[in-house]
C-alpha cells in the first residue's frame, strides 16, 4: 500500500464522511502526491473544532491500533488501486475504501446480482435452482448481500453448483450477520469474495444496508429480483441499479402473493421478465 492509499485508509478509519473522502481521493488521483496540511484543510472545509478532532485522531494510538489490525487481519482495496473495478469507480458515490477477504480477481468477471425478500419461500428456492446452473457455468460471479432469505439462498446454491459468489456486507468482516449465515460467510471467504466498506469490529447498523446496496448496484451488470414485497429493500436496490443504467430483471409471481408484488410491479414498469436462464444470459453477453 503506497502513501496515498495509506492516507485514504487512515482518514476512513478516523470516520471521515464519504463526500470528504471523495474530495481527497480526487486530489490524489489528479496530483499523485500527498496534500499539504493547508491543502487538506482547504479540501475538507472543516470547522476549527472538527479540524482539531481529526488531527487528534490522526495522531492517536487508537488509530495506529486500528490500522495495524485492519492491515494484518484483512486486505484493503482503495479507489486509487488498479484492481478497483472501473464500473464501480464510475458509479454514484463509490466506496473509497473496501475491506475484503478472498479472491479479489472475481471482480474482473462478469457480475450479476440477485436480491430478494428475507422471508423467501420454496418458490424462490425452486426458481433459483432452475435458473442458476446454466448461469454459473458461464464463469460469471453472483453478487448479493448475504442477507437472510433470497440473498443467502442464491449464494448458497451458487456454491453448491460450483460457481463463484461475491458477498457485500454491511458490517466488519469479523462479524457474521445474520448469525444463521455464519458458516456460509466463512465458506464464501475461502472460495469466493467478501467485501465491506466497514472496518473490523463495525456492527451491522441499520443505515449500513442502504449503503451496502449501492455497492451491489455499482458492481453488477444485471440485477435479478426474486420475491420482493411492495416498497421492499430489494426494490431500493433495483432503483439504484436503474440509476446506474444496469439491466433489472424480475421473477414473476402470483398476483395475490405479497412476496411477488414488488417483482410484478417491476415487470409492469418495464423490467424484463425472467422465465429461463437464457433471459439472464441474453442481458449479460
Protein backbone atom coordinates (compact mmCIF):
# COMPACT_ATOMS: atom_id res chain seq x y z
CA UNK A 1 0.00 0.00 0.00
CA UNK A 2 1.51 3.33 -1.06
CA UNK A 3 1.43 6.63 0.84
CA UNK A 4 -1.64 7.92 -0.98
CA UNK A 5 -3.68 4.81 -0.26
CA UNK A 6 -2.49 4.79 3.35
CA UNK A 7 -3.73 8.34 3.79
CA UNK A 8 -7.18 7.37 2.48
CA UNK A 9 -7.30 4.39 4.83
CA UNK A 10 -6.29 6.49 7.84
CA UNK A 11 -8.93 9.11 7.09
CA UNK A 12 -11.53 6.36 6.58
CA UNK A 13 -10.66 4.79 9.95
CA UNK A 14 -10.97 8.25 11.55
CA UNK A 15 -14.61 8.32 10.41
CA UNK A 16 -14.33 10.91 7.65
CA UNK A 17 -17.56 11.22 5.68
CA UNK A 18 -17.81 9.83 2.15
CA UNK A 19 -18.02 13.24 0.45
CA UNK A 20 -14.81 14.38 2.12
CA UNK A 21 -13.10 11.08 1.30
CA UNK A 22 -14.01 11.56 -2.35
CA UNK A 23 -12.55 15.07 -2.35
CA UNK A 24 -9.24 13.72 -1.02
CA UNK A 25 -9.30 10.80 -3.47
CA UNK A 26 -9.91 13.16 -6.42
CA UNK A 27 -6.97 15.30 -5.31
CA UNK A 28 -4.72 12.23 -5.09
CA UNK A 29 -5.85 10.97 -8.50
CA UNK A 30 -5.17 14.37 -10.06
CA UNK A 31 -1.91 15.35 -8.34
CA UNK A 32 -0.43 11.93 -7.48
CA UNK A 33 1.02 13.45 -4.33
CA UNK A 34 0.05 13.84 -0.68
CA UNK A 35 -1.76 17.13 0.04
CA UNK A 36 -0.08 19.60 2.36
CA UNK A 37 -1.85 20.41 5.62
CA UNK A 38 -3.13 23.64 4.07
CA UNK A 39 -4.42 21.79 1.01
CA UNK A 40 -6.03 19.16 3.23
CA UNK A 41 -7.96 21.74 5.24
CA UNK A 42 -8.99 23.52 2.06
CA UNK A 43 -10.34 20.28 0.60
CA UNK A 44 -12.21 19.21 3.74
CA UNK A 45 -13.74 22.59 4.68
CA UNK A 46 -13.99 21.59 8.33
CA UNK A 47 -14.77 23.81 11.28
CA UNK A 48 -11.90 24.60 13.68
CA UNK A 49 -13.19 22.10 16.24
CA UNK A 50 -13.54 19.33 13.64
CA UNK A 51 -10.03 20.02 12.33
CA UNK A 52 -8.69 19.70 15.85
CA UNK A 53 -10.65 16.49 16.38
CA UNK A 54 -9.33 14.99 13.13
CA UNK A 55 -5.75 15.94 13.96
CA UNK A 56 -6.12 14.30 17.38
CA UNK A 57 -7.45 11.11 15.80
CA UNK A 58 -4.70 11.02 13.14
CA UNK A 59 -2.03 11.23 15.85
CA UNK A 60 -3.68 8.78 18.25
CA UNK A 61 -2.58 5.37 19.40
CA UNK A 62 -6.13 4.18 18.71
CA UNK A 63 -5.69 4.86 15.01
CA UNK A 64 -2.34 3.03 15.00
CA UNK A 65 -4.03 0.00 16.53
CA UNK A 66 -6.97 0.11 14.08
CA UNK A 67 -4.56 0.48 11.18
CA UNK A 68 -2.43 -2.46 12.26
CA UNK A 69 -5.46 -4.65 12.90
CA UNK A 70 -7.09 -3.96 9.54
CA UNK A 71 -3.88 -4.29 7.56
CA UNK A 72 -2.89 -7.57 9.18
CA UNK A 73 -6.28 -9.28 9.53
CA UNK A 74 -7.94 -8.17 6.27
CA UNK A 75 -6.97 -6.93 2.85
CA UNK A 76 -7.72 -3.40 1.68
CA UNK A 77 -8.65 -2.04 -1.73
CA UNK A 78 -8.85 1.71 -2.31
CA UNK A 79 -10.29 3.63 -5.24
CA UNK A 80 -6.71 4.51 -6.22
CA UNK A 81 -5.80 0.87 -6.82
CA UNK A 82 -5.67 -0.57 -10.36
CA UNK A 83 -7.72 -3.58 -9.18
CA UNK A 84 -10.64 -1.35 -8.19
CA UNK A 85 -13.50 -2.17 -10.63
CA UNK A 86 -13.94 0.59 -13.20
CA UNK A 87 -17.71 0.16 -13.27
CA UNK A 88 -17.89 0.72 -9.52
CA UNK A 89 -15.46 3.66 -9.73
CA UNK A 90 -17.81 5.38 -12.18
CA UNK A 91 -20.93 4.75 -10.08
CA UNK A 92 -22.68 7.28 -7.84
CA UNK A 93 -20.83 7.75 -4.54
CA UNK A 94 -18.40 4.83 -4.97
CA UNK A 95 -16.79 3.49 -1.78
CA UNK A 96 -13.32 4.98 -1.32
CA UNK A 97 -12.07 2.11 0.83
CA UNK A 98 -13.12 -1.54 0.70
CA UNK A 99 -12.02 -4.25 3.09
CA UNK A 100 -12.04 -7.74 1.63
CA UNK A 101 -11.45 -11.41 2.22
CA UNK A 102 -10.96 -13.92 -0.58
CA UNK A 103 -10.28 -13.71 -4.29
CA UNK A 104 -10.30 -10.08 -5.47
CA UNK A 105 -9.86 -11.18 -9.10
CA UNK A 106 -13.53 -12.26 -9.09
CA UNK A 107 -14.32 -8.58 -9.65
CA UNK A 108 -12.79 -8.96 -13.12
CA UNK A 109 -15.53 -11.45 -14.10
CA UNK A 110 -18.94 -10.53 -15.49
CA UNK A 111 -21.03 -9.83 -12.37
CA UNK A 112 -24.75 -10.29 -11.93
CA UNK A 113 -26.72 -9.57 -8.80
CA UNK A 114 -29.54 -11.40 -7.08
CA UNK A 115 -31.60 -9.80 -4.31
CA UNK A 116 -34.94 -10.55 -2.73
CA UNK A 117 -37.03 -10.87 0.38
CA UNK A 118 -35.70 -12.06 3.73
CA UNK A 119 -38.83 -14.25 4.00
CA UNK A 120 -38.15 -16.36 0.94
CA UNK A 121 -40.43 -19.28 0.06
CA UNK A 122 -39.94 -22.64 -1.59
CA UNK A 123 -40.84 -20.93 -4.87
CA UNK A 124 -37.66 -18.83 -4.68
CA UNK A 125 -35.63 -21.97 -3.97
CA UNK A 126 -37.09 -23.88 -6.92
CA UNK A 127 -36.74 -20.90 -9.25
CA UNK A 128 -33.09 -20.27 -8.37
CA UNK A 129 -32.31 -23.98 -8.51
CA UNK A 130 -33.65 -23.91 -12.07
CA UNK A 131 -32.07 -20.62 -13.18
CA UNK A 132 -28.59 -20.62 -11.65
CA UNK A 133 -26.79 -23.74 -13.03
CA UNK A 134 -26.58 -22.55 -16.69
CA UNK A 135 -25.57 -19.08 -15.49
CA UNK A 136 -22.72 -20.09 -13.18
CA UNK A 137 -21.30 -22.32 -15.92
CA UNK A 138 -20.53 -19.15 -17.89
CA UNK A 139 -17.75 -18.18 -15.44
CA UNK A 140 -19.71 -15.27 -14.08
CA UNK A 141 -19.84 -14.36 -10.40
CA UNK A 142 -23.07 -13.82 -8.47
CA UNK A 143 -23.19 -10.74 -6.23
CA UNK A 144 -25.55 -10.44 -3.29
CA UNK A 145 -25.78 -9.12 0.25
CA UNK A 146 -25.52 -12.32 2.32
CA UNK A 147 -28.81 -11.41 3.98
CA UNK A 148 -31.38 -13.82 5.34
CA UNK A 149 -33.69 -15.22 2.69
CA UNK A 150 -33.10 -14.86 -1.05
CA UNK A 151 -29.59 -13.36 -0.79
CA UNK A 152 -28.13 -16.18 1.24
CA UNK A 153 -30.13 -18.78 -0.68
CA UNK A 154 -28.76 -17.58 -4.04
CA UNK A 155 -25.20 -17.56 -2.74
CA UNK A 156 -25.53 -20.98 -1.12
CA UNK A 157 -26.92 -22.52 -4.31
CA UNK A 158 -24.19 -20.86 -6.40
CA UNK A 159 -21.57 -22.59 -4.26
CA UNK A 160 -23.44 -25.90 -4.49
CA UNK A 161 -23.33 -25.57 -8.29
CA UNK A 162 -19.55 -24.93 -8.11
CA UNK A 163 -20.00 -21.28 -9.02
CA UNK A 164 -18.36 -18.17 -7.60
CA UNK A 165 -20.05 -15.57 -5.46
CA UNK A 166 -19.25 -12.12 -4.06
CA UNK A 167 -20.89 -11.08 -0.79
CA UNK A 168 -21.19 -7.37 0.01
CA UNK A 169 -21.91 -6.99 3.72
CA UNK A 170 -22.92 -4.10 5.98
CA UNK A 171 -20.56 -4.75 8.87
CA UNK A 172 -16.95 -5.62 9.61
CA UNK A 173 -15.53 -8.79 8.07
CA UNK A 174 -15.05 -10.25 11.55
CA UNK A 175 -18.78 -10.13 12.28
CA UNK A 176 -21.39 -12.53 10.89
CA UNK A 177 -24.83 -11.11 10.25
CA UNK A 178 -27.28 -12.71 10.28
CA UNK A 179 -25.78 -15.36 12.54
CA UNK A 180 -27.55 -18.12 10.59
CA UNK A 181 -25.27 -17.33 7.62
CA UNK A 182 -22.06 -17.58 9.65
CA UNK A 183 -20.95 -20.84 8.01
CA UNK A 184 -21.91 -19.50 4.57
CA UNK A 185 -19.90 -16.32 5.15
CA UNK A 186 -16.89 -18.39 6.14
CA UNK A 187 -17.26 -20.55 3.03
CA UNK A 188 -17.50 -17.51 0.75
CA UNK A 189 -14.42 -16.05 2.41
CA UNK A 190 -12.50 -19.21 1.45
CA UNK A 191 -13.82 -19.84 -2.06
CA UNK A 192 -15.30 -16.52 -3.16
CA UNK A 193 -15.02 -12.90 -2.08
CA UNK A 194 -16.44 -10.84 0.79
CA UNK A 195 -16.45 -7.04 0.51
CA UNK A 196 -17.26 -4.42 3.12
CA UNK A 197 -16.98 -0.67 3.37
CA UNK A 198 -16.72 -1.08 7.14
CA UNK A 199 -13.61 -1.76 9.18
CA UNK A 200 -13.19 -4.71 11.54
CA UNK A 201 -15.46 -4.50 14.55
CA UNK A 202 -18.12 -2.39 12.81
CA UNK A 203 -21.60 -3.63 13.82
CA UNK A 204 -24.47 -4.19 11.34
CA UNK A 205 -26.20 -0.84 11.86
CA UNK A 206 -29.46 -0.19 10.04
CA UNK A 207 -28.14 2.63 7.83
CA UNK A 208 -25.24 0.46 6.65
CA UNK A 209 -27.52 -1.65 4.44
CA UNK A 210 -28.77 1.02 2.01
CA UNK A 211 -25.09 2.00 1.67
CA UNK A 212 -24.25 -1.66 1.04
CA UNK A 213 -26.94 -1.83 -1.65
CA UNK A 214 -25.38 1.00 -3.68
CA UNK A 215 -22.14 -1.04 -3.88
CA UNK A 216 -24.04 -4.07 -5.18
CA UNK A 217 -25.73 -1.86 -7.80
CA UNK A 218 -22.41 -0.33 -8.78
CA UNK A 219 -20.61 -3.65 -9.21
CA UNK A 220 -23.07 -5.56 -11.35
CA UNK A 221 -24.14 -5.51 -14.97
CA UNK A 222 -27.53 -7.18 -14.40
CA UNK A 223 -29.75 -7.42 -11.32
CA UNK A 224 -32.34 -10.16 -10.80
CA UNK A 225 -35.04 -9.53 -8.18
CA UNK A 226 -36.52 -12.72 -6.72
CA UNK A 227 -39.57 -12.32 -4.44
CA UNK A 228 -39.96 -8.76 -3.17
CA UNK A 229 -42.72 -7.00 -1.32
CA UNK A 230 -44.11 -3.61 -2.32
CA UNK A 231 -41.64 -0.89 -1.18
CA UNK A 232 -39.10 -3.50 -0.04
CA UNK A 233 -35.35 -3.06 0.34
CA UNK A 234 -34.88 -5.14 -2.80
CA UNK A 235 -36.77 -2.52 -4.80
CA UNK A 236 -34.46 0.14 -3.40
CA UNK A 237 -31.52 -1.85 -4.78
CA UNK A 238 -33.38 -2.22 -8.09
CA UNK A 239 -33.90 1.55 -8.28
CA UNK A 240 -30.22 2.14 -7.53
CA UNK A 241 -29.33 -0.31 -10.31
CA UNK A 242 -31.62 1.52 -12.74
CA UNK A 243 -29.98 4.82 -11.82
CA UNK A 244 -26.63 3.23 -12.72
CA UNK A 245 -28.06 2.12 -16.10
CA UNK A 246 -27.93 -1.55 -15.13
CA UNK A 247 -30.42 -4.06 -16.51
CA UNK A 248 -33.08 -5.04 -13.97
CA UNK A 249 -34.84 -8.38 -14.31
CA UNK A 250 -37.61 -9.82 -12.18
CA UNK A 251 -39.04 -13.23 -11.40
CA UNK A 252 -42.84 -13.16 -11.86
CA UNK A 253 -45.16 -14.48 -9.20
CA UNK A 254 -48.83 -14.94 -8.34
CA UNK A 255 -50.78 -11.68 -8.42
CA UNK A 256 -52.23 -12.35 -4.95
CA UNK A 257 -48.86 -13.15 -3.33
CA UNK A 258 -47.46 -10.21 -1.28
CA UNK A 259 -43.93 -11.57 -1.76
CA UNK A 260 -44.29 -11.28 -5.53
CA UNK A 261 -45.98 -7.87 -5.58
CA UNK A 262 -42.70 -5.96 -5.91
CA UNK A 263 -41.44 -8.18 -8.73
CA UNK A 264 -44.73 -7.98 -10.62
CA UNK A 265 -44.67 -4.19 -10.25
CA UNK A 266 -41.13 -4.08 -11.67
CA UNK A 267 -42.27 -6.12 -14.67
CA UNK A 268 -45.28 -3.84 -15.18
CA UNK A 269 -42.90 -0.86 -15.10
CA UNK A 270 -40.68 -2.36 -17.81
CA UNK A 271 -38.28 -4.76 -16.10
CA UNK A 272 -37.54 -7.87 -18.13
CA UNK A 273 -39.44 -10.95 -17.01
CA UNK A 274 -37.23 -13.97 -16.25
CA UNK A 275 -38.56 -17.40 -17.15
CA UNK A 276 -35.35 -19.22 -18.11
CA UNK A 277 -31.61 -18.87 -17.57
CA UNK A 278 -31.32 -17.57 -21.14
CA UNK A 279 -33.27 -14.48 -20.11
CA UNK A 280 -30.36 -13.64 -17.79
CA UNK A 281 -27.59 -14.68 -20.18
CA UNK A 282 -29.02 -12.55 -23.00
CA UNK A 283 -28.50 -9.46 -20.87
CA UNK A 284 -25.02 -10.42 -19.68
CA UNK A 285 -23.45 -11.09 -23.08
